[in-house]
Amino acid sequence: MIDTTDIDRWLERYQAAWRSDEPAQIVELFTDDARYFSEPYREPMVGPAAVAEWWSGMGESRLPWTFEYDIVAREGDLYVVRATTR
């Protein structure tokens, strides 16, 4: 059985940031060298500040949504998550 405590906590913080669109919460989710791909074939945003600016600007906290996920695999601190947002 895969221990998912760390990724479950991270995903809880991810959802909280999504609900709030609060830049400080978003920045805390990502490392300094994070690359965030918002769409296939689009250049990624690089770094937490760029992600937070884009994410909070989308205003998705005002929309109704649901988020479900499964942990597919883990190796050390790397997790594979399959998630669906509606």
PDB file of N, CA and C in Angstrom:
ATOM      1  N   MET A   1       0.838  -1.182   0.000  1.00  0.00           N
ATOM      2  CA  MET A   1       0.000   0.000   0.000  1.00  0.00           C
ATOM      3  C   MET A   1       0.881   1.242   0.000  1.00  0.00           C
ATOM      4  N   ILE A   2       0.514   2.210  -0.813  1.00  0.00           N
ATOM      5  CA  ILE A   2       1.282   3.446  -0.949  1.00  0.00           C
ATOM      6  C   ILE A   2       0.906   4.399   0.184  1.00  0.00           C
ATOM      7  N   ASP A   3       1.923   4.938   0.893  1.00  0.00           N
ATOM      8  CA  ASP A   3       1.670   5.960   1.905  1.00  0.00           C
ATOM      9  C   ASP A   3       1.458   7.278   1.170  1.00  0.00           C
ATOM     10  N   THR A   4       0.272   7.831   1.282  1.00  0.00           N
ATOM     11  CA  THR A   4      -0.083   9.029   0.517  1.00  0.00           C
ATOM     12  C   THR A   4      -0.235  10.277   1.387  1.00  0.00           C
ATOM     13  N   THR A   5       0.184  10.222   2.629  1.00  0.00           N
ATOM     14  CA  THR A   5      -0.017  11.338   3.553  1.00  0.00           C
ATOM     15  C   THR A   5       0.502  12.658   2.986  1.00  0.00           C
ATOM     16  N   ASP A   6       1.737  12.673   2.487  1.00  0.00           N
ATOM     17  CA  ASP A   6       2.327  13.921   1.989  1.00  0.00           C
ATOM     18  C   ASP A   6       1.562  14.480   0.799  1.00  0.00           C
ATOM     19  N   ILE A   7       1.257  13.638  -0.163  1.00  0.00           N
ATOM     20  CA  ILE A   7       0.562  14.136  -1.356  1.00  0.00           C
ATOM     21  C   ILE A   7      -0.887  14.497  -1.028  1.00  0.00           C
ATOM     22  N   ASP A   8      -1.514  13.773  -0.124  1.00  0.00           N
ATOM     23  CA  ASP A   8      -2.873  14.150   0.290  1.00  0.00           C
ATOM     24  C   ASP A   8      -2.883  15.547   0.902  1.00  0.00           C
ATOM     25  N   ARG A   9      -1.905  15.840   1.750  1.00  0.00           N
ATOM     26  CA  ARG A   9      -1.807  17.183   2.343  1.00  0.00           C
ATOM     27  C   ARG A   9      -1.587  18.238   1.268  1.00  0.00           C
ATOM     28  N   TRP A  10      -0.694  17.934   0.319  1.00  0.00           N
ATOM     29  CA  TRP A  10      -0.414  18.899  -0.745  1.00  0.00           C
ATOM     30  C   TRP A  10      -1.681  19.141  -1.564  1.00  0.00           C
ATOM     31  N   LEU A  11      -2.406  18.079  -1.888  1.00  0.00           N
ATOM     32  CA  LEU A  11      -3.630  18.227  -2.679  1.00  0.00           C
ATOM     33  C   LEU A  11      -4.718  18.976  -1.905  1.00  0.00           C
ATOM     34  N   GLU A  12      -4.754  18.850  -0.597  1.00  0.00           N
ATOM     35  CA  GLU A  12      -5.684  19.645   0.212  1.00  0.00           C
ATOM     36  C   GLU A  12      -5.337  21.125   0.109  1.00  0.00           C
ATOM     37  N   ARG A  13      -4.044  21.449   0.187  1.00  0.00           N
ATOM     38  CA  ARG A  13      -3.600  22.844   0.048  1.00  0.00           C
ATOM     39  C   ARG A  13      -3.869  23.360  -1.369  1.00  0.00           C
ATOM     40  N   TYR A  14      -3.698  22.498  -2.358  1.00  0.00           N
ATOM     41  CA  TYR A  14      -3.973  22.842  -3.756  1.00  0.00           C
ATOM     42  C   TYR A  14      -5.439  23.243  -3.917  1.00  0.00           C
ATOM     43  N   GLN A  15      -6.328  22.429  -3.364  1.00  0.00           N
ATOM     44  CA  GLN A  15      -7.759  22.730  -3.469  1.00  0.00           C
ATOM     45  C   GLN A  15      -8.115  24.001  -2.691  1.00  0.00           C
ATOM     46  N   ALA A  16      -7.508  24.207  -1.536  1.00  0.00           N
ATOM     47  CA  ALA A  16      -7.760  25.428  -0.765  1.00  0.00           C
ATOM     48  C   ALA A  16      -7.325  26.658  -1.551  1.00  0.00           C
ATOM     49  N   ALA A  17      -6.184  26.569  -2.217  1.00  0.00           N
ATOM     50  CA  ALA A  17      -5.716  27.691  -3.031  1.00  0.00           C
ATOM     51  C   ALA A  17      -6.656  27.930  -4.206  1.00  0.00           C
ATOM     52  N   TRP A  18      -7.168  26.877  -4.768  1.00  0.00           N
ATOM     53  CA  TRP A  18      -8.105  26.983  -5.890  1.00  0.00           C
ATOM     54  C   TRP A  18      -9.405  27.653  -5.443  1.00  0.00           C
ATOM     55  N   ARG A  19      -9.851  27.310  -4.234  1.00  0.00           N
ATOM     56  CA  ARG A  19     -11.078  27.918  -3.711  1.00  0.00           C
ATOM     57  C   ARG A  19     -10.893  29.397  -3.415  1.00  0.00           C
ATOM     58  N   SER A  20      -9.687  29.801  -3.059  1.00  0.00           N
ATOM     59  CA  SER A  20      -9.460  31.186  -2.636  1.00  0.00           C
ATOM     60  C   SER A  20      -8.869  32.089  -3.720  1.00  0.00           C
ATOM     61  N   ASP A  21      -8.115  31.515  -4.670  1.00  0.00           N
ATOM     62  CA  ASP A  21      -7.347  32.298  -5.648  1.00  0.00           C
ATOM     63  C   ASP A  21      -6.380  33.255  -4.958  1.00  0.00           C
ATOM     64  N   GLU A  22      -5.992  32.939  -3.741  1.00  0.00           N
ATOM     65  CA  GLU A  22      -5.080  33.775  -2.961  1.00  0.00           C
ATOM     66  C   GLU A  22      -3.637  33.525  -3.409  1.00  0.00           C
ATOM     67  N   PRO A  23      -2.963  34.559  -3.972  1.00  0.00           N
ATOM     68  CA  PRO A  23      -1.602  34.356  -4.485  1.00  0.00           C
ATOM     69  C   PRO A  23      -0.634  33.732  -3.482  1.00  0.00           C
ATOM     70  N   ALA A  24      -0.696  34.121  -2.223  1.00  0.00           N
ATOM     71  CA  ALA A  24       0.239  33.567  -1.235  1.00  0.00           C
ATOM     72  C   ALA A  24       0.036  32.060  -1.064  1.00  0.00           C
ATOM     73  N   GLN A  25      -1.195  31.596  -1.100  1.00  0.00           N
ATOM     74  CA  GLN A  25      -1.466  30.159  -0.993  1.00  0.00           C
ATOM     75  C   GLN A  25      -0.965  29.423  -2.231  1.00  0.00           C
ATOM     76  N   ILE A  26      -1.108  30.040  -3.373  1.00  0.00           N
ATOM     77  CA  ILE A  26      -0.656  29.427  -4.630  1.00  0.00           C
ATOM     78  C   ILE A  26       0.866  29.311  -4.640  1.00  0.00           C
ATOM     79  N   VAL A  27       1.551  30.388  -4.293  1.00  0.00           N
ATOM     80  CA  VAL A  27       3.017  30.399  -4.285  1.00  0.00           C
ATOM     81  C   VAL A  27       3.577  29.296  -3.394  1.00  0.00           C
ATOM     82  N   GLU A  28       2.933  29.040  -2.250  1.00  0.00           N
ATOM     83  CA  GLU A  28       3.420  28.022  -1.313  1.00  0.00           C
ATOM     84  C   GLU A  28       3.395  26.607  -1.892  1.00  0.00           C
ATOM     85  N   LEU A  29       2.634  26.390  -2.933  1.00  0.00           N
ATOM     86  CA  LEU A  29       2.505  25.053  -3.514  1.00  0.00           C
ATOM     87  C   LEU A  29       3.688  24.654  -4.393  1.00  0.00           C
ATOM     88  N   PHE A  30       4.432  25.626  -4.897  1.00  0.00           N
ATOM     89  CA  PHE A  30       5.402  25.356  -5.950  1.00  0.00           C
ATOM     90  C   PHE A  30       6.827  25.711  -5.555  1.00  0.00           C
ATOM     91  N   THR A  31       7.776  24.958  -6.112  1.00  0.00           N
ATOM     92  CA  THR A  31       9.196  25.238  -5.911  1.00  0.00           C
ATOM     93  C   THR A  31       9.616  26.387  -6.818  1.00  0.00           C
ATOM     94  N   ASP A  32      10.771  26.955  -6.536  1.00  0.00           N
ATOM     95  CA  ASP A  32      11.257  28.097  -7.321  1.00  0.00           C
ATOM     96  C   ASP A  32      11.425  27.769  -8.800  1.00  0.00           C
ATOM     97  N   ASP A  33      11.718  26.508  -9.125  1.00  0.00           N
ATOM     98  CA  ASP A  33      11.939  26.129 -10.521  1.00  0.00           C
ATOM     99  C   ASP A  33      10.722  25.442 -11.149  1.00  0.00           C
ATOM    100  N   ALA A  34       9.556  25.607 -10.530  1.00  0.00           N
ATOM    101  CA  ALA A  34       8.333  24.964 -11.043  1.00  0.00           C
ATOM    102  C   ALA A  34       8.035  25.412 -12.470  1.00  0.00           C
ATOM    103  N   ARG A  35       7.533  24.469 -13.237  1.00  0.00           N
ATOM    104  CA  ARG A  35       7.047  24.749 -14.592  1.00  0.00           C
ATOM    105  C   ARG A  35       5.607  24.279 -14.625  1.00  0.00           C
ATOM    106  N   TYR A  36       4.675  25.191 -14.912  1.00  0.00           N
ATOM    107  CA  TYR A  36       3.241  24.908 -14.841  1.00  0.00           C
ATOM    108  C   TYR A  36       2.667  25.021 -16.248  1.00  0.00           C
ATOM    109  N   PHE A  37       2.156  23.907 -16.732  1.00  0.00           N
ATOM    110  CA  PHE A  37       1.574  23.858 -18.067  1.00  0.00           C
ATOM    111  C   PHE A  37       0.055  23.974 -17.930  1.00  0.00           C
ATOM    112  N   SER A  38      -0.524  25.027 -18.477  1.00  0.00           N
ATOM    113  CA  SER A  38      -1.972  25.219 -18.364  1.00  0.00           C
ATOM    114  C   SER A  38      -2.733  24.601 -19.528  1.00  0.00           C
ATOM    115  N   GLU A  39      -2.049  24.361 -20.625  1.00  0.00           N
ATOM    116  CA  GLU A  39      -2.676  23.766 -21.809  1.00  0.00           C
ATOM    117  C   GLU A  39      -1.613  23.015 -22.601  1.00  0.00           C
ATOM    118  N   PRO A  40      -2.025  21.980 -23.345  1.00  0.00           N
ATOM    119  CA  PRO A  40      -1.064  21.306 -24.216  1.00  0.00           C
ATOM    120  C   PRO A  40      -0.486  22.289 -25.243  1.00  0.00           C
ATOM    121  N   TYR A  41       0.781  22.170 -25.519  1.00  0.00           N
ATOM    122  CA  TYR A  41       1.496  22.938 -26.536  1.00  0.00           C
ATOM    123  C   TYR A  41       1.706  24.400 -26.154  1.00  0.00           C
ATOM    124  N   ARG A  42       1.224  24.844 -25.023  1.00  0.00           N
ATOM    125  CA  ARG A  42       1.466  26.216 -24.568  1.00  0.00           C
ATOM    126  C   ARG A  42       2.749  26.210 -23.748  1.00  0.00           C
ATOM    127  N   GLU A  43       3.520  27.273 -23.864  1.00  0.00           N
ATOM    128  CA  GLU A  43       4.729  27.391 -23.055  1.00  0.00           C
ATOM    129  C   GLU A  43       4.332  27.421 -21.576  1.00  0.00           C
ATOM    130  N   PRO A  44       5.131  26.801 -20.724  1.00  0.00           N
ATOM    131  CA  PRO A  44       4.780  26.782 -19.300  1.00  0.00           C
ATOM    132  C   PRO A  44       5.066  28.116 -18.623  1.00  0.00           C
ATOM    133  N   MET A  45       4.365  28.345 -17.534  1.00  0.00           N
ATOM    134  CA  MET A  45       4.730  29.427 -16.639  1.00  0.00           C
ATOM    135  C   MET A  45       5.891  28.897 -15.807  1.00  0.00           C
ATOM    136  N   VAL A  46       6.850  29.740 -15.486  1.00  0.00           N
ATOM    137  CA  VAL A  46       8.027  29.293 -14.748  1.00  0.00           C
ATOM    138  C   VAL A  46       8.111  30.061 -13.430  1.00  0.00           C
ATOM    139  N   GLY A  47       8.147  29.311 -12.337  1.00  0.00           N
ATOM    140  CA  GLY A  47       8.276  29.891 -11.007  1.00  0.00           C
ATOM    141  C   GLY A  47       6.929  30.174 -10.365  1.00  0.00           C
ATOM    142  N   PRO A  48       6.907  30.163  -9.037  1.00  0.00           N
ATOM    143  CA  PRO A  48       5.663  30.333  -8.299  1.00  0.00           C
ATOM    144  C   PRO A  48       4.959  31.664  -8.547  1.00  0.00           C
ATOM    145  N   ALA A  49       5.696  32.741  -8.691  1.00  0.00           N
ATOM    146  CA  ALA A  49       5.065  34.052  -8.894  1.00  0.00           C
ATOM    147  C   ALA A  49       4.293  34.084 -10.217  1.00  0.00           C
ATOM    148  N   ALA A  50       4.875  33.522 -11.271  1.00  0.00           N
ATOM    149  CA  ALA A  50       4.198  33.491 -12.569  1.00  0.00           C
ATOM    150  C   ALA A  50       2.940  32.632 -12.501  1.00  0.00           C
ATOM    151  N   VAL A  51       3.026  31.504 -11.819  1.00  0.00           N
ATOM    152  CA  VAL A  51       1.866  30.628 -11.673  1.00  0.00           C
ATOM    153  C   VAL A  51       0.770  31.350 -10.891  1.00  0.00           C
ATOM    154  N   ALA A  52       1.138  31.979  -9.783  1.00  0.00           N
ATOM    155  CA  ALA A  52       0.157  32.670  -8.935  1.00  0.00           C
ATOM    156  C   ALA A  52      -0.528  33.812  -9.683  1.00  0.00           C
ATOM    157  N   GLU A  53       0.231  34.557 -10.475  1.00  0.00           N
ATOM    158  CA  GLU A  53      -0.360  35.666 -11.240  1.00  0.00           C
ATOM    159  C   GLU A  53      -1.395  35.138 -12.233  1.00  0.00           C
ATOM    160  N   TRP A  54      -1.021  34.095 -12.985  1.00  0.00           N
ATOM    161  CA  TRP A  54      -1.952  33.521 -13.960  1.00  0.00           C
ATOM    162  C   TRP A  54      -3.160  32.920 -13.260  1.00  0.00           C
ATOM    163  N   TRP A  55      -2.903  32.091 -12.243  1.00  0.00           N
ATOM    164  CA  TRP A  55      -3.948  31.343 -11.561  1.00  0.00           C
ATOM    165  C   TRP A  55      -4.958  32.282 -10.904  1.00  0.00           C
ATOM    166  N   SER A  56      -4.478  33.255 -10.138  1.00  0.00           N
ATOM    167  CA  SER A  56      -5.410  34.158  -9.452  1.00  0.00           C
ATOM    168  C   SER A  56      -6.167  35.021 -10.460  1.00  0.00           C
ATOM    169  N   GLY A  57      -5.553  35.311 -11.591  1.00  0.00           N
ATOM    170  CA  GLY A  57      -6.221  36.085 -12.633  1.00  0.00           C
ATOM    171  C   GLY A  57      -7.349  35.338 -13.327  1.00  0.00           C
ATOM    172  N   MET A  58      -7.323  34.013 -13.255  1.00  0.00           N
ATOM    173  CA  MET A  58      -8.376  33.216 -13.887  1.00  0.00           C
ATOM    174  C   MET A  58      -9.699  33.334 -13.131  1.00  0.00           C
ATOM    175  N   GLY A  59      -9.639  33.585 -11.828  1.00  0.00           N
ATOM    176  CA  GLY A  59     -10.842  33.774 -11.032  1.00  0.00           C
ATOM    177  C   GLY A  59     -11.721  32.547 -10.902  1.00  0.00           C
ATOM    178  N   GLU A  60     -11.136  31.375 -10.956  1.00  0.00           N
ATOM    179  CA  GLU A  60     -11.929  30.154 -10.912  1.00  0.00           C
ATOM    180  C   GLU A  60     -12.536  29.871  -9.541  1.00  0.00           C
ATOM    181  N   SER A  61     -12.115  30.614  -8.523  1.00  0.00           N
ATOM    182  CA  SER A  61     -12.711  30.422  -7.196  1.00  0.00           C
ATOM    183  C   SER A  61     -14.198  30.798  -7.211  1.00  0.00           C
ATOM    184  N   ARG A  62     -14.592  31.591  -8.187  1.00  0.00           N
ATOM    185  CA  ARG A  62     -15.997  32.017  -8.286  1.00  0.00           C
ATOM    186  C   ARG A  62     -16.877  31.000  -9.001  1.00  0.00           C
ATOM    187  N   LEU A  63     -16.275  29.963  -9.570  1.00  0.00           N
ATOM    188  CA  LEU A  63     -17.022  28.955 -10.321  1.00  0.00           C
ATOM    189  C   LEU A  63     -17.265  27.712  -9.467  1.00  0.00           C
ATOM    190  N   PRO A  64     -18.396  27.043  -9.659  1.00  0.00           N
ATOM    191  CA  PRO A  64     -18.588  25.766  -8.958  1.00  0.00           C
ATOM    192  C   PRO A  64     -17.720  24.690  -9.622  1.00  0.00           C
ATOM    193  N   TRP A  65     -17.072  23.865  -8.816  1.00  0.00           N
ATOM    194  CA  TRP A  65     -16.240  22.799  -9.355  1.00  0.00           C
ATOM    195  C   TRP A  65     -16.120  21.671  -8.336  1.00  0.00           C
ATOM    196  N   THR A  66     -15.752  20.519  -8.844  1.00  0.00           N
ATOM    197  CA  THR A  66     -15.429  19.370  -8.002  1.00  0.00           C
ATOM    198  C   THR A  66     -14.071  18.846  -8.436  1.00  0.00           C
ATOM    199  N   PHE A  67     -13.396  18.177  -7.518  1.00  0.00           N
ATOM    200  CA  PHE A  67     -12.057  17.663  -7.773  1.00  0.00           C
ATOM    201  C   PHE A  67     -11.955  16.278  -7.149  1.00  0.00           C
ATOM    202  N   GLU A  68     -11.631  15.294  -7.962  1.00  0.00           N
ATOM    203  CA  GLU A  68     -11.442  13.923  -7.498  1.00  0.00           C
ATOM    204  C   GLU A  68     -10.078  13.447  -7.960  1.00  0.00           C
ATOM    205  N   TYR A  69      -9.426  12.647  -7.134  1.00  0.00           N
ATOM    206  CA  TYR A  69      -8.102  12.164  -7.535  1.00  0.00           C
ATOM    207  C   TYR A  69      -7.829  10.767  -6.995  1.00  0.00           C
ATOM    208  N   ASP A  70      -6.893  10.109  -7.663  1.00  0.00           N
ATOM    209  CA  ASP A  70      -6.357   8.819  -7.240  1.00  0.00           C
ATOM    210  C   ASP A  70      -4.845   8.906  -7.299  1.00  0.00           C
ATOM    211  N   ILE A  71      -4.181   8.315  -6.324  1.00  0.00           N
ATOM    212  CA  ILE A  71      -2.728   8.207  -6.351  1.00  0.00           C
ATOM    213  C   ILE A  71      -2.405   6.946  -7.148  1.00  0.00           C
ATOM    214  N   VAL A  72      -1.708   7.112  -8.241  1.00  0.00           N
ATOM    215  CA  VAL A  72      -1.407   5.997  -9.131  1.00  0.00           C
ATOM    216  C   VAL A  72      -0.102   5.303  -8.739  1.00  0.00           C
ATOM    217  N   ALA A  73       0.908   6.102  -8.361  1.00  0.00           N
ATOM    218  CA  ALA A  73       2.212   5.526  -8.034  1.00  0.00           C
ATOM    219  C   ALA A  73       3.012   6.502  -7.187  1.00  0.00           C
ATOM    220  N   ARG A  74       4.040   5.941  -6.538  1.00  0.00           N
ATOM    221  CA  ARG A  74       4.955   6.766  -5.747  1.00  0.00           C
ATOM    222  C   ARG A  74       6.338   6.161  -5.820  1.00  0.00           C
ATOM    223  N   GLU A  75       7.330   7.032  -5.964  1.00  0.00           N
ATOM    224  CA  GLU A  75       8.737   6.637  -5.845  1.00  0.00           C
ATOM    225  C   GLU A  75       9.435   7.754  -5.085  1.00  0.00           C
ATOM    226  N   GLY A  76       9.804   7.497  -3.832  1.00  0.00           N
ATOM    227  CA  GLY A  76      10.393   8.539  -2.987  1.00  0.00           C
ATOM    228  C   GLY A  76       9.378   9.648  -2.769  1.00  0.00           C
ATOM    229  N   ASP A  77       9.784  10.886  -3.103  1.00  0.00           N
ATOM    230  CA  ASP A  77       8.862  12.008  -2.935  1.00  0.00           C
ATOM    231  C   ASP A  77       8.172  12.398  -4.248  1.00  0.00           C
ATOM    232  N   LEU A  78       8.242  11.522  -5.244  1.00  0.00           N
ATOM    233  CA  LEU A  78       7.575  11.745  -6.524  1.00  0.00           C
ATOM    234  C   LEU A  78       6.288  10.920  -6.565  1.00  0.00           C
ATOM    235  N   TYR A  79       5.185  11.562  -6.841  1.00  0.00           N
ATOM    236  CA  TYR A  79       3.876  10.887  -6.927  1.00  0.00           C
ATOM    237  C   TYR A  79       3.298  11.079  -8.310  1.00  0.00           C
ATOM    238  N   VAL A  80       2.545  10.098  -8.746  1.00  0.00           N
ATOM    239  CA  VAL A  80       1.749  10.203  -9.971  1.00  0.00           C
ATOM    240  C   VAL A  80       0.290  10.236  -9.518  1.00  0.00           C
ATOM    241  N   VAL A  81      -0.398  11.323  -9.901  1.00  0.00           N
ATOM    242  CA  VAL A  81      -1.778  11.537  -9.497  1.00  0.00           C
ATOM    243  C   VAL A  81      -2.642  11.639 -10.748  1.00  0.00           C
ATOM    244  N   ARG A  82      -3.730  10.899 -10.755  1.00  0.00           N
ATOM    245  CA  ARG A  82      -4.731  11.028 -11.823  1.00  0.00           C
ATOM    246  C   ARG A  82      -5.895  11.806 -11.201  1.00  0.00           C
ATOM    247  N   ALA A  83      -6.185  12.970 -11.772  1.00  0.00           N
ATOM    248  CA  ALA A  83      -7.216  13.836 -11.186  1.00  0.00           C
ATOM    249  C   ALA A  83      -8.220  14.268 -12.246  1.00  0.00           C
ATOM    250  N   THR A  84      -9.438  14.488 -11.791  1.00  0.00           N
ATOM    251  CA  THR A  84     -10.496  14.981 -12.659  1.00  0.00           C
ATOM    252  C   THR A  84     -11.133  16.195 -11.987  1.00  0.00           C
ATOM    253  N   THR A  85     -11.233  17.253 -12.743  1.00  0.00           N
ATOM    254  CA  THR A  85     -11.900  18.463 -12.268  1.00  0.00           C
ATOM    255  C   THR A  85     -13.102  18.696 -13.155  1.00  0.00           C
ATOM    256  N   ARG A  86     -14.228  18.941 -12.527  1.00  0.00           N
ATOM    257  CA  ARG A  86     -15.443  19.249 -13.286  1.00  0.00           C
ATOM    258  C   ARG A  86     -15.968  20.589 -12.837  1.00  0.00           C
TER     259      ARG A  86
END
